[in-house]
Protein backbone atom coordinates (compact mmCIF):
# COMPACT_ATOMS: atom_id res chain seq x y z
CA UNK A 1 -24.92 10.90 -30.94
CA UNK A 2 -27.02 12.24 -27.66
CA UNK A 3 -25.86 14.77 -25.44
CA UNK A 4 -26.09 14.15 -21.99
CA UNK A 5 -24.53 17.28 -20.13
CA UNK A 6 -21.30 18.77 -20.85
CA UNK A 7 -18.58 15.99 -21.20
CA UNK A 8 -20.77 13.03 -21.14
CA UNK A 9 -22.64 12.62 -24.46
CA UNK A 10 -23.75 8.56 -25.75
CA UNK A 11 -22.84 6.61 -29.21
CA UNK A 12 -23.97 3.52 -30.58
CA UNK A 13 -25.32 2.74 -27.26
CA UNK A 14 -21.88 3.27 -25.30
CA UNK A 15 -21.09 6.47 -23.05
CA UNK A 16 -18.39 8.97 -24.07
CA UNK A 17 -16.74 12.04 -23.25
CA UNK A 18 -14.46 13.11 -20.34
CA UNK A 19 -16.91 12.01 -17.61
CA UNK A 20 -17.18 8.93 -18.78
CA UNK A 21 -13.55 8.45 -18.84
CA UNK A 22 -13.88 9.20 -15.53
CA UNK A 23 -15.67 6.69 -14.74
CA UNK A 24 -13.75 4.10 -15.90
CA UNK A 25 -10.32 5.48 -14.64
CA UNK A 26 -12.45 5.30 -11.24
CA UNK A 27 -13.81 1.90 -12.03
CA UNK A 28 -10.27 -0.03 -13.01
CA UNK A 29 -8.59 1.68 -9.97
CA UNK A 30 -11.26 0.54 -8.04
CA UNK A 31 -10.70 -2.73 -9.30
CA UNK A 32 -7.03 -2.83 -8.79
CA UNK A 33 -7.27 -1.93 -4.92
CA UNK A 34 -9.59 -4.71 -4.79
CA UNK A 35 -6.66 -7.35 -6.37
CA UNK A 36 -4.32 -6.11 -4.20
CA UNK A 37 -6.42 -6.58 -1.01
CA UNK A 38 -7.13 -9.75 -2.07
CA UNK A 39 -3.32 -10.76 -2.43
CA UNK A 40 -2.83 -9.25 0.91
CA UNK A 41 -5.87 -10.49 2.79
CA UNK A 42 -3.92 -13.22 4.93
CA UNK A 43 -1.44 -10.63 6.32
CA UNK A 44 -3.97 -8.27 7.05
CA UNK A 45 -6.23 -7.88 10.22
CA UNK A 46 -9.67 -7.35 9.89
CA UNK A 47 -9.56 -3.49 10.67
CA UNK A 48 -7.40 -3.18 8.01
CA UNK A 49 -9.14 -5.20 5.26
CA UNK A 50 -12.32 -3.62 5.93
CA UNK A 51 -10.87 -0.35 5.68
CA UNK A 52 -9.31 -1.26 2.17
CA UNK A 53 -12.26 -2.43 0.93
CA UNK A 54 -14.31 0.94 1.69
CA UNK A 55 -11.68 2.98 0.06
CA UNK A 56 -12.11 0.83 -3.02
CA UNK A 57 -15.54 1.05 -3.32
CA UNK A 58 -15.59 4.91 -2.01
CA UNK A 59 -13.58 5.54 -4.91
CA UNK A 60 -15.66 3.89 -7.42
CA UNK A 61 -18.63 5.71 -6.18
CA UNK A 62 -17.64 8.67 -4.88
CA UNK A 63 -19.66 8.72 -2.04
CA UNK A 64 -19.64 6.50 1.51
CA UNK A 65 -20.23 2.84 0.45
CA UNK A 66 -23.37 1.04 2.12
CA UNK A 67 -21.44 -0.65 5.17
CA UNK A 68 -23.56 -3.84 4.67
CA UNK A 69 -22.09 -4.22 1.13
CA UNK A 70 -17.95 -3.09 3.13
CA UNK A 71 -18.80 -6.04 5.03
CA UNK A 72 -20.59 -8.58 2.93
CA UNK A 73 -17.23 -7.63 0.41
CA UNK A 74 -14.55 -8.14 3.50
CA UNK A 75 -16.46 -11.27 4.39
CA UNK A 76 -15.71 -12.85 1.31
CA UNK A 77 -12.32 -11.49 0.63
CA UNK A 78 -11.47 -13.17 4.28
CA UNK A 79 -12.99 -16.34 3.48
CA UNK A 80 -11.05 -16.81 0.13
CA UNK A 81 -14.01 -15.92 -2.21
CA UNK A 82 -12.37 -14.08 -5.01
CA UNK A 83 -14.06 -11.16 -6.20
CA UNK A 84 -14.06 -9.94 -9.65
CA UNK A 85 -14.44 -6.41 -10.70
CA UNK A 86 -14.14 -6.67 -14.94
CA UNK A 87 -13.97 -3.00 -16.20
CA UNK A 88 -14.25 -2.74 -19.92
CA UNK A 89 -12.98 -0.09 -22.09
CA UNK A 90 -16.53 1.43 -22.78
CA UNK A 91 -19.55 2.05 -21.02
CA UNK A 92 -22.46 0.45 -22.24
CA UNK A 93 -25.36 2.81 -21.85
CA UNK A 94 -29.45 1.59 -21.55
């Protein structure tokens, strides 16, 4: 086991600890938000959809997402492209 910092360590190539759990939780929640947006997209205005994508990405990265990324994902959803946001139960470490 390798300790990275308090609350985060690596064991068998995967991150573990409370910080890893928090990152997995953020990933899962962002994926849920994007799935809901994709379901509701036909009834949303462009502004509402863009705001929803912004909030989902912000939840995931915990800072302001790049505008180009928000616009790109919003455009894909608007065109009906399914955005998959796979989340596993463990964080692999390189």
